[in-house]
Amino acid sequence: MKFTKMHGLGNDFVMINGFQEALPADISQLAVKMCHRRFGVGADGLILLLPSDSHTLRMRIINSDGTEAEMCGNGIRCFALFAKEQGVVTENAFTVETLAGPIGIEIKGDNLVSVDMGCPVLNGPEIPVVGEGQIIAQPIQLLDKEFRFTAVSTGNPHSVIFVDDVEQFPLSTYGPVSEKHPFFPAKVNTEFVQVLSRQKVRMRVWERGCGETMACGTGACATTVAAILNGLTDRTVDVVLDGGTLNITWEESTGKMLMTGEAAFVFTAEYLG
């Protein structure tokens, strides 16, 4: 099976062209095997390029633990460049079907991709999180400490927690506890964030089904929304991640989030299983 390895700011993926490759029935097991960093290719997730009945293309993303994610902001930028490189699309702007709904993409050149991430979901049951209405700066107990989280869905559920010093924060201690906290019936991605200015924040992320990753596009969008809801930043923010920086705008007029960032090819090879 031919595949391509790509990354979006260090969030890495195995890409497979479903138009050309015969895919096994158990995609979940394939993802677990290919994404293993010692016995496989190594990646945060497996992304499939597929036909769509309603839009230009369809994207499926399977996490390294075999669970399927609704969407992935870094992954969809890789998906856009991969689709163009494979010749499946010729135009620079198109729409992709995902489990989170249709996503508009524009390739800007030089590996730069802008993604219309749609409107954030802020109603508790729709995120989903236990609680009604908007969940802003709500207390949550994680092990020995109480934090305050803001809940946002940007295609998948996020819990955003603001801290004083994110570089020294013990992410691997509190991230897994947050992921499986009873507040989040579908588990949750948790962003721990330090505000640097009205236009810049520093974010680290614990992703459900993956653990700590170098970048998370939907998490950067959720972080921007949460920062604005808490009165901490302006509506356009540079989100600094371990793997690089994403520019996020939450448009006041439309309510939509626009994410712009890079994606890159690493190599193409054949998987022998």
C-alpha atoms as a PDB file:
ATOM      1  CA  MET A   1       0.000   0.000   0.000  1.00  0.00           C
ATOM      2  CA  LYS A   2       1.453   3.360  -1.018  1.00  0.00           C
ATOM      3  CA  PHE A   3       1.282   6.121   1.599  1.00  0.00           C
ATOM      4  CA  THR A   4       2.646   9.600   2.241  1.00  0.00           C
ATOM      5  CA  LYS A   5       3.886  10.937   5.571  1.00  0.00           C
ATOM      6  CA  MET A   6       2.987  14.574   6.264  1.00  0.00           C
ATOM      7  CA  HIS A   7       2.860  16.946   9.191  1.00  0.00           C
ATOM      8  CA  GLY A   8       1.120  20.155  10.162  1.00  0.00           C
ATOM      9  CA  LEU A   9       3.423  21.987  12.603  1.00  0.00           C
ATOM     10  CA  GLY A  10       4.703  18.661  13.915  1.00  0.00           C
ATOM     11  CA  ASN A  11       1.269  17.024  14.218  1.00  0.00           C
ATOM     12  CA  ASP A  12       2.080  14.074  11.923  1.00  0.00           C
ATOM     13  CA  PHE A  13      -0.101  11.861   9.772  1.00  0.00           C
ATOM     14  CA  VAL A  14      -0.050   8.864   7.463  1.00  0.00           C
ATOM     15  CA  MET A  15      -1.947   9.833   4.307  1.00  0.00           C
ATOM     16  CA  ILE A  16      -3.577   7.240   2.033  1.00  0.00           C
ATOM     17  CA  ASN A  17      -5.273   7.924  -1.305  1.00  0.00           C
ATOM     18  CA  GLY A  18      -8.476   5.895  -1.150  1.00  0.00           C
ATOM     19  CA  PHE A  19      -9.081   6.529  -4.853  1.00  0.00           C
ATOM     20  CA  GLN A  20      -6.059   4.358  -5.673  1.00  0.00           C
ATOM     21  CA  GLU A  21      -5.411   2.021  -2.753  1.00  0.00           C
ATOM     22  CA  ALA A  22      -7.494  -0.996  -1.693  1.00  0.00           C
ATOM     23  CA  LEU A  23      -8.389  -0.307   1.929  1.00  0.00           C
ATOM     24  CA  PRO A  24      -8.951  -3.113   4.456  1.00  0.00           C
ATOM     25  CA  ALA A  25     -12.305  -3.536   6.174  1.00  0.00           C
ATOM     26  CA  ASP A  26     -10.802  -2.779   9.589  1.00  0.00           C
ATOM     27  CA  ILE A  27      -9.453   0.740   9.164  1.00  0.00           C
ATOM     28  CA  SER A  28      -9.137   1.142  12.935  1.00  0.00           C
ATOM     29  CA  GLN A  29      -6.670  -1.734  13.193  1.00  0.00           C
ATOM     30  CA  LEU A  30      -4.724  -0.432  10.204  1.00  0.00           C
ATOM     31  CA  ALA A  31      -4.379   2.957  11.931  1.00  0.00           C
ATOM     32  CA  VAL A  32      -3.101   1.377  15.143  1.00  0.00           C
ATOM     33  CA  LYS A  33      -0.482  -0.628  13.252  1.00  0.00           C
ATOM     34  CA  MET A  34       0.691   2.117  10.885  1.00  0.00           C
ATOM     35  CA  CYS A  35       0.789   4.835  13.543  1.00  0.00           C
ATOM     36  CA  HIS A  36       2.860   2.820  16.019  1.00  0.00           C
ATOM     37  CA  ARG A  37       6.150   4.670  16.444  1.00  0.00           C
ATOM     38  CA  ARG A  38       8.276   1.539  16.883  1.00  0.00           C
ATOM     39  CA  PHE A  39       6.551  -1.179  14.864  1.00  0.00           C
ATOM     40  CA  GLY A  40       4.904   0.978  12.199  1.00  0.00           C
ATOM     41  CA  VAL A  41       5.397   4.224  10.297  1.00  0.00           C
ATOM     42  CA  GLY A  42       4.713   6.398  13.328  1.00  0.00           C
ATOM     43  CA  ALA A  43       2.081   9.135  13.382  1.00  0.00           C
ATOM     44  CA  ASP A  44      -0.596  10.853  15.446  1.00  0.00           C
ATOM     45  CA  GLY A  45      -3.244   9.606  13.046  1.00  0.00           C
ATOM     46  CA  LEU A  46      -4.198   8.013   9.736  1.00  0.00           C
ATOM     47  CA  ILE A  47      -5.983  10.214   7.170  1.00  0.00           C
ATOM     48  CA  LEU A  48      -7.926   8.809   4.228  1.00  0.00           C
ATOM     49  CA  LEU A  49      -8.580  10.718   0.994  1.00  0.00           C
ATOM     50  CA  LEU A  50     -11.996   9.514  -0.196  1.00  0.00           C
ATOM     51  CA  PRO A  51     -14.756  10.386  -2.684  1.00  0.00           C
ATOM     52  CA  SER A  52     -17.818  12.254  -1.457  1.00  0.00           C
ATOM     53  CA  ASP A  53     -21.407  12.155  -2.673  1.00  0.00           C
ATOM     54  CA  SER A  54     -22.085  15.742  -1.601  1.00  0.00           C
ATOM     55  CA  HIS A  55     -18.776  17.659  -1.681  1.00  0.00           C
ATOM     56  CA  THR A  56     -15.475  17.704  -3.566  1.00  0.00           C
ATOM     57  CA  LEU A  57     -13.816  15.127  -1.287  1.00  0.00           C
ATOM     58  CA  ARG A  58     -14.291  13.287   2.001  1.00  0.00           C
ATOM     59  CA  MET A  59     -11.741  13.044   4.797  1.00  0.00           C
ATOM     60  CA  ARG A  60     -11.628  10.378   7.483  1.00  0.00           C
ATOM     61  CA  ILE A  61      -9.124  10.635  10.323  1.00  0.00           C
ATOM     62  CA  ILE A  62      -8.380   7.735  12.650  1.00  0.00           C
ATOM     63  CA  ASN A  63      -6.349   8.451  15.772  1.00  0.00           C
ATOM     64  CA  SER A  64      -3.297   6.374  16.656  1.00  0.00           C
ATOM     65  CA  ASP A  65      -5.392   4.424  19.196  1.00  0.00           C
ATOM     66  CA  GLY A  66      -7.921   3.415  16.524  1.00  0.00           C
ATOM     67  CA  THR A  67     -10.697   5.840  17.457  1.00  0.00           C
ATOM     68  CA  GLU A  68     -12.159   8.042  14.740  1.00  0.00           C
ATOM     69  CA  ALA A  69     -12.050  11.829  15.164  1.00  0.00           C
ATOM     70  CA  GLU A  70     -14.679  14.178  13.798  1.00  0.00           C
ATOM     71  CA  MET A  71     -12.114  16.635  12.400  1.00  0.00           C
ATOM     72  CA  CYS A  72      -8.506  17.748  12.687  1.00  0.00           C
ATOM     73  CA  GLY A  73      -7.343  21.250  11.831  1.00  0.00           C
ATOM     74  CA  ASN A  74      -3.716  20.298  11.172  1.00  0.00           C
ATOM     75  CA  GLY A  75      -4.792  17.150   9.397  1.00  0.00           C
ATOM     76  CA  ILE A  76      -7.127  18.908   6.991  1.00  0.00           C
ATOM     77  CA  ARG A  77      -4.345  21.267   5.886  1.00  0.00           C
ATOM     78  CA  CYS A  78      -2.226  18.209   5.091  1.00  0.00           C
ATOM     79  CA  PHE A  79      -5.262  16.674   3.368  1.00  0.00           C
ATOM     80  CA  ALA A  80      -5.626  19.730   1.117  1.00  0.00           C
ATOM     81  CA  LEU A  81      -2.013  19.639  -0.098  1.00  0.00           C
ATOM     82  CA  PHE A  82      -2.109  15.847  -0.447  1.00  0.00           C
ATOM     83  CA  ALA A  83      -5.254  15.982  -2.604  1.00  0.00           C
ATOM     84  CA  LYS A  84      -3.658  18.570  -4.888  1.00  0.00           C
ATOM     85  CA  GLU A  85      -0.366  16.655  -5.104  1.00  0.00           C
ATOM     86  CA  GLN A  86      -2.201  13.430  -5.941  1.00  0.00           C
ATOM     87  CA  GLY A  87      -4.075  15.173  -8.766  1.00  0.00           C
ATOM     88  CA  VAL A  88      -7.469  14.400  -7.224  1.00  0.00           C
ATOM     89  CA  VAL A  89      -8.260  18.132  -7.353  1.00  0.00           C
ATOM     90  CA  THR A  90      -6.826  20.810  -9.611  1.00  0.00           C
ATOM     91  CA  GLU A  91      -8.325  23.929  -8.059  1.00  0.00           C
ATOM     92  CA  ASN A  92      -6.928  25.663  -4.960  1.00  0.00           C
ATOM     93  CA  ALA A  93     -10.278  26.173  -3.233  1.00  0.00           C
ATOM     94  CA  PHE A  94     -12.677  23.314  -2.502  1.00  0.00           C
ATOM     95  CA  THR A  95     -14.934  21.789   0.151  1.00  0.00           C
ATOM     96  CA  VAL A  96     -14.245  18.661   2.183  1.00  0.00           C
ATOM     97  CA  GLU A  97     -16.831  16.422   3.831  1.00  0.00           C
ATOM     98  CA  THR A  98     -15.946  15.521   7.450  1.00  0.00           C
ATOM     99  CA  LEU A  99     -17.817  14.072  10.401  1.00  0.00           C
ATOM    100  CA  ALA A 100     -17.926  17.646  11.746  1.00  0.00           C
ATOM    101  CA  GLY A 101     -19.636  18.864   8.563  1.00  0.00           C
ATOM    102  CA  PRO A 102     -18.364  20.438   5.328  1.00  0.00           C
ATOM    103  CA  ILE A 103     -15.094  22.393   5.612  1.00  0.00           C
ATOM    104  CA  GLY A 104     -13.968  24.999   3.083  1.00  0.00           C
ATOM    105  CA  ILE A 105     -10.255  25.066   2.175  1.00  0.00           C
ATOM    106  CA  GLU A 106      -8.028  27.407   0.184  1.00  0.00           C
ATOM    107  CA  ILE A 107      -4.423  26.576  -0.720  1.00  0.00           C
ATOM    108  CA  LYS A 108      -2.471  29.831  -0.607  1.00  0.00           C
ATOM    109  CA  GLY A 109       0.812  28.477  -1.993  1.00  0.00           C
ATOM    110  CA  ASP A 110       4.169  27.804  -0.327  1.00  0.00           C
ATOM    111  CA  ASN A 111       2.524  25.037   1.738  1.00  0.00           C
ATOM    112  CA  LEU A 112       0.198  27.629   3.321  1.00  0.00           C
ATOM    113  CA  VAL A 113      -3.448  26.638   3.725  1.00  0.00           C
ATOM    114  CA  SER A 114      -6.440  28.573   5.046  1.00  0.00           C
ATOM    115  CA  VAL A 115      -9.372  26.646   6.466  1.00  0.00           C
ATOM    116  CA  ASP A 116     -12.894  27.905   7.115  1.00  0.00           C
ATOM    117  CA  MET A 117     -13.500  26.125  10.417  1.00  0.00           C
ATOM    118  CA  GLY A 118     -17.127  27.234  10.667  1.00  0.00           C
ATOM    119  CA  CYS A 119     -18.776  28.471  13.838  1.00  0.00           C
ATOM    120  CA  PRO A 120     -17.797  27.148  17.272  1.00  0.00           C
ATOM    121  CA  VAL A 121     -20.361  25.219  19.281  1.00  0.00           C
ATOM    122  CA  LEU A 122     -20.760  26.692  22.764  1.00  0.00           C
ATOM    123  CA  ASN A 123     -23.881  24.965  24.097  1.00  0.00           C
ATOM    124  CA  GLY A 124     -22.856  22.380  26.703  1.00  0.00           C
ATOM    125  CA  PRO A 125     -24.855  19.321  25.553  1.00  0.00           C
ATOM    126  CA  GLU A 126     -23.803  19.832  21.933  1.00  0.00           C
ATOM    127  CA  ILE A 127     -20.050  19.933  22.704  1.00  0.00           C
ATOM    128  CA  PRO A 128     -20.683  17.566  24.627  1.00  0.00           C
ATOM    129  CA  VAL A 129     -20.027  18.504  28.239  1.00  0.00           C
ATOM    130  CA  VAL A 130     -22.155  18.034  31.325  1.00  0.00           C
ATOM    131  CA  GLY A 131     -23.932  21.349  31.855  1.00  0.00           C
ATOM    132  CA  GLU A 132     -26.353  23.659  30.083  1.00  0.00           C
ATOM    133  CA  GLY A 133     -25.597  26.758  28.036  1.00  0.00           C
ATOM    134  CA  GLN A 134     -22.122  28.236  27.724  1.00  0.00           C
ATOM    135  CA  ILE A 135     -19.467  26.754  30.003  1.00  0.00           C
ATOM    136  CA  ILE A 136     -17.026  29.609  30.693  1.00  0.00           C
ATOM    137  CA  ALA A 137     -14.382  29.503  33.458  1.00  0.00           C
ATOM    138  CA  GLN A 138     -16.176  26.668  35.253  1.00  0.00           C
ATOM    139  CA  PRO A 139     -14.271  25.018  38.134  1.00  0.00           C
ATOM    140  CA  ILE A 140     -12.953  21.492  37.551  1.00  0.00           C
ATOM    141  CA  GLN A 141     -10.991  19.323  39.961  1.00  0.00           C
ATOM    142  CA  LEU A 142      -8.059  17.461  38.394  1.00  0.00           C
ATOM    143  CA  LEU A 143      -6.190  15.345  40.939  1.00  0.00           C
ATOM    144  CA  ASP A 144      -4.901  17.739  43.624  1.00  0.00           C
ATOM    145  CA  LYS A 145      -5.724  21.016  41.895  1.00  0.00           C
ATOM    146  CA  GLU A 146      -8.779  23.013  40.914  1.00  0.00           C
ATOM    147  CA  PHE A 147      -8.704  24.679  37.501  1.00  0.00           C
ATOM    148  CA  ARG A 148     -11.233  26.670  35.513  1.00  0.00           C
ATOM    149  CA  PHE A 149     -12.123  25.437  32.043  1.00  0.00           C
ATOM    150  CA  THR A 150     -14.030  26.856  29.090  1.00  0.00           C
ATOM    151  CA  ALA A 151     -15.734  24.310  26.847  1.00  0.00           C
ATOM    152  CA  VAL A 152     -15.829  24.716  23.062  1.00  0.00           C
ATOM    153  CA  SER A 153     -16.493  22.366  20.169  1.00  0.00           C
ATOM    154  CA  THR A 154     -14.649  23.202  16.957  1.00  0.00           C
ATOM    155  CA  GLY A 155     -15.619  19.944  15.262  1.00  0.00           C
ATOM    156  CA  ASN A 156     -14.542  17.959  18.324  1.00  0.00           C
ATOM    157  CA  PRO A 157     -14.776  18.749  22.047  1.00  0.00           C
ATOM    158  CA  HIS A 158     -12.210  20.953  23.786  1.00  0.00           C
ATOM    159  CA  SER A 159     -11.561  22.070  27.342  1.00  0.00           C
ATOM    160  CA  VAL A 160      -9.412  25.214  27.504  1.00  0.00           C
ATOM    161  CA  ILE A 161      -7.587  25.976  30.758  1.00  0.00           C
ATOM    162  CA  PHE A 162      -5.531  29.148  31.265  1.00  0.00           C
ATOM    163  CA  VAL A 163      -2.349  28.832  33.341  1.00  0.00           C
ATOM    164  CA  ASP A 164       0.422  31.210  34.400  1.00  0.00           C
ATOM    165  CA  ASP A 165       3.415  29.275  33.022  1.00  0.00           C
ATOM    166  CA  VAL A 166       2.546  26.737  30.351  1.00  0.00           C
ATOM    167  CA  GLU A 167       6.159  25.775  29.617  1.00  0.00           C
ATOM    168  CA  GLN A 168       6.620  24.383  33.137  1.00  0.00           C
ATOM    169  CA  PHE A 169       3.102  22.959  33.392  1.00  0.00           C
ATOM    170  CA  PRO A 170       3.012  19.147  34.013  1.00  0.00           C
ATOM    171  CA  LEU A 171       0.864  18.342  30.979  1.00  0.00           C
ATOM    172  CA  SER A 172       1.349  14.583  31.177  1.00  0.00           C
ATOM    173  CA  THR A 173       0.022  14.616  34.748  1.00  0.00           C
ATOM    174  CA  TYR A 174      -3.183  16.579  34.277  1.00  0.00           C
ATOM    175  CA  GLY A 175      -3.904  15.977  30.571  1.00  0.00           C
ATOM    176  CA  PRO A 176      -4.970  12.315  30.843  1.00  0.00           C
ATOM    177  CA  VAL A 177      -7.182  13.061  33.856  1.00  0.00           C
ATOM    178  CA  SER A 178      -8.930  15.857  31.996  1.00  0.00           C
ATOM    179  CA  GLU A 179      -9.394  13.703  28.884  1.00  0.00           C
ATOM    180  CA  LYS A 180     -11.413  11.117  30.814  1.00  0.00           C
ATOM    181  CA  HIS A 181     -13.117  13.412  33.334  1.00  0.00           C
ATOM    182  CA  PRO A 182     -16.842  12.651  33.916  1.00  0.00           C
ATOM    183  CA  PHE A 183     -17.701  16.164  32.694  1.00  0.00           C
ATOM    184  CA  PHE A 184     -16.910  14.986  29.140  1.00  0.00           C
ATOM    185  CA  PRO A 185     -19.038  12.020  27.968  1.00  0.00           C
ATOM    186  CA  ALA A 186     -17.138  11.732  24.641  1.00  0.00           C
ATOM    187  CA  LYS A 187     -13.771  12.464  26.299  1.00  0.00           C
ATOM    188  CA  VAL A 188     -12.070  15.764  25.478  1.00  0.00           C
ATOM    189  CA  ASN A 189      -8.994  17.482  24.071  1.00  0.00           C
ATOM    190  CA  THR A 190      -7.465  19.768  26.690  1.00  0.00           C
ATOM    191  CA  GLU A 191      -5.521  22.931  25.901  1.00  0.00           C
ATOM    192  CA  PHE A 192      -3.381  24.490  28.619  1.00  0.00           C
ATOM    193  CA  VAL A 193      -2.777  28.097  27.602  1.00  0.00           C
ATOM    194  CA  GLN A 194      -0.689  31.081  28.678  1.00  0.00           C
ATOM    195  CA  VAL A 195      -1.752  34.505  27.417  1.00  0.00           C
ATOM    196  CA  LEU A 196       1.264  36.469  26.164  1.00  0.00           C
ATOM    197  CA  SER A 197      -0.552  39.552  24.833  1.00  0.00           C
ATOM    198  CA  ARG A 198      -3.882  40.627  23.346  1.00  0.00           C
ATOM    199  CA  GLN A 199      -2.697  39.155  20.028  1.00  0.00           C
ATOM    200  CA  LYS A 200      -0.643  36.113  21.075  1.00  0.00           C
ATOM    201  CA  VAL A 201      -1.012  33.034  23.281  1.00  0.00           C
ATOM    202  CA  ARG A 202       1.157  29.983  23.964  1.00  0.00           C
ATOM    203  CA  MET A 203      -0.681  26.655  23.909  1.00  0.00           C
ATOM    204  CA  ARG A 204       0.148  23.046  24.756  1.00  0.00           C
ATOM    205  CA  VAL A 205      -2.354  20.297  24.111  1.00  0.00           C
ATOM    206  CA  TRP A 206      -3.336  16.854  25.338  1.00  0.00           C
ATOM    207  CA  GLU A 207      -5.402  15.243  22.581  1.00  0.00           C
ATOM    208  CA  ARG A 208      -7.903  12.484  23.293  1.00  0.00           C
ATOM    209  CA  GLY A 209      -6.737   9.257  21.720  1.00  0.00           C
ATOM    210  CA  CYS A 210      -3.235  10.638  21.031  1.00  0.00           C
ATOM    211  CA  GLY A 211      -1.737  12.192  24.165  1.00  0.00           C
ATOM    212  CA  GLU A 212       0.506  15.242  23.911  1.00  0.00           C
ATOM    213  CA  THR A 213       1.000  16.442  20.328  1.00  0.00           C
ATOM    214  CA  MET A 214       3.095  19.244  18.883  1.00  0.00           C
ATOM    215  CA  ALA A 215       0.091  21.045  17.414  1.00  0.00           C
ATOM    216  CA  CYS A 216      -3.704  20.922  17.228  1.00  0.00           C
ATOM    217  CA  GLY A 217      -5.596  23.094  14.738  1.00  0.00           C
ATOM    218  CA  THR A 218      -9.064  22.655  16.215  1.00  0.00           C
ATOM    219  CA  GLY A 219      -7.483  23.230  19.638  1.00  0.00           C
ATOM    220  CA  ALA A 220      -5.933  26.505  18.458  1.00  0.00           C
ATOM    221  CA  CYS A 221      -9.378  27.608  17.266  1.00  0.00           C
ATOM    222  CA  ALA A 222     -10.991  26.568  20.557  1.00  0.00           C
ATOM    223  CA  THR A 223      -8.255  28.382  22.474  1.00  0.00           C
ATOM    224  CA  THR A 224      -8.881  31.604  20.542  1.00  0.00           C
ATOM    225  CA  VAL A 225     -12.629  31.397  21.136  1.00  0.00           C
ATOM    226  CA  ALA A 226     -12.115  30.689  24.842  1.00  0.00           C
ATOM    227  CA  ALA A 227      -9.632  33.564  25.207  1.00  0.00           C
ATOM    228  CA  ILE A 228     -12.101  35.969  23.609  1.00  0.00           C
ATOM    229  CA  LEU A 229     -15.007  34.713  25.732  1.00  0.00           C
ATOM    230  CA  ASN A 230     -12.879  35.279  28.843  1.00  0.00           C
ATOM    231  CA  GLY A 231     -11.918  38.785  27.686  1.00  0.00           C
ATOM    232  CA  LEU A 232      -8.220  37.931  27.385  1.00  0.00           C
ATOM    233  CA  THR A 233      -7.435  38.620  23.703  1.00  0.00           C
ATOM    234  CA  ASP A 234      -8.570  40.372  20.545  1.00  0.00           C
ATOM    235  CA  ARG A 235     -10.404  38.475  17.796  1.00  0.00           C
ATOM    236  CA  THR A 236      -7.281  37.677  15.749  1.00  0.00           C
ATOM    237  CA  VAL A 237      -4.640  35.703  17.609  1.00  0.00           C
ATOM    238  CA  ASP A 238      -1.335  34.002  16.865  1.00  0.00           C
ATOM    239  CA  VAL A 239      -1.418  30.678  18.697  1.00  0.00           C
ATOM    240  CA  VAL A 240       2.129  29.482  19.385  1.00  0.00           C
ATOM    241  CA  LEU A 241       2.363  25.680  19.500  1.00  0.00           C
ATOM    242  CA  ASP A 242       5.303  23.332  20.027  1.00  0.00           C
ATOM    243  CA  GLY A 243       5.487  22.795  16.255  1.00  0.00           C
ATOM    244  CA  GLY A 244       4.935  26.373  15.072  1.00  0.00           C
ATOM    245  CA  THR A 245       2.316  29.115  14.929  1.00  0.00           C
ATOM    246  CA  LEU A 246      -1.257  29.216  13.653  1.00  0.00           C
ATOM    247  CA  ASN A 247      -3.123  32.438  12.942  1.00  0.00           C
ATOM    248  CA  ILE A 248      -6.744  32.268  14.063  1.00  0.00           C
ATOM    249  CA  THR A 249      -9.492  34.826  13.500  1.00  0.00           C
ATOM    250  CA  TRP A 250     -12.953  34.521  15.046  1.00  0.00           C
ATOM    251  CA  GLU A 251     -15.038  36.776  12.837  1.00  0.00           C
ATOM    252  CA  GLU A 252     -17.555  38.854  14.755  1.00  0.00           C
ATOM    253  CA  SER A 253     -19.823  39.442  11.741  1.00  0.00           C
ATOM    254  CA  THR A 254     -20.186  35.803  10.657  1.00  0.00           C
ATOM    255  CA  GLY A 255     -19.211  33.915  13.815  1.00  0.00           C
ATOM    256  CA  LYS A 256     -16.852  31.766  11.733  1.00  0.00           C
ATOM    257  CA  MET A 257     -13.287  30.800  12.615  1.00  0.00           C
ATOM    258  CA  LEU A 258     -10.547  31.127   9.988  1.00  0.00           C
ATOM    259  CA  MET A 259      -7.346  29.155  10.532  1.00  0.00           C
ATOM    260  CA  THR A 260      -4.191  29.743   8.475  1.00  0.00           C
ATOM    261  CA  GLY A 261      -1.008  27.713   8.774  1.00  0.00           C
ATOM    262  CA  GLU A 262       1.517  25.509   7.016  1.00  0.00           C
ATOM    263  CA  ALA A 263       1.596  21.808   6.188  1.00  0.00           C
ATOM    264  CA  ALA A 264       4.505  19.822   4.797  1.00  0.00           C
ATOM    265  CA  PHE A 265       5.367  16.596   2.977  1.00  0.00           C
ATOM    266  CA  VAL A 266       7.920  14.303   4.647  1.00  0.00           C
ATOM    267  CA  PHE A 267       8.185  11.229   2.421  1.00  0.00           C
ATOM    268  CA  THR A 268       6.267   8.726   0.293  1.00  0.00           C
ATOM    269  CA  ALA A 269       6.786   4.992   0.672  1.00  0.00           C
ATOM    270  CA  GLU A 270       5.132   1.563   0.486  1.00  0.00           C
ATOM    271  CA  TYR A 271       3.626  -0.110   3.536  1.00  0.00           C
ATOM    272  CA  LEU A 272       4.122  -3.872   3.613  1.00  0.00           C
ATOM    273  CA  GLY A 273       2.026  -4.550   6.726  1.00  0.00           C
END
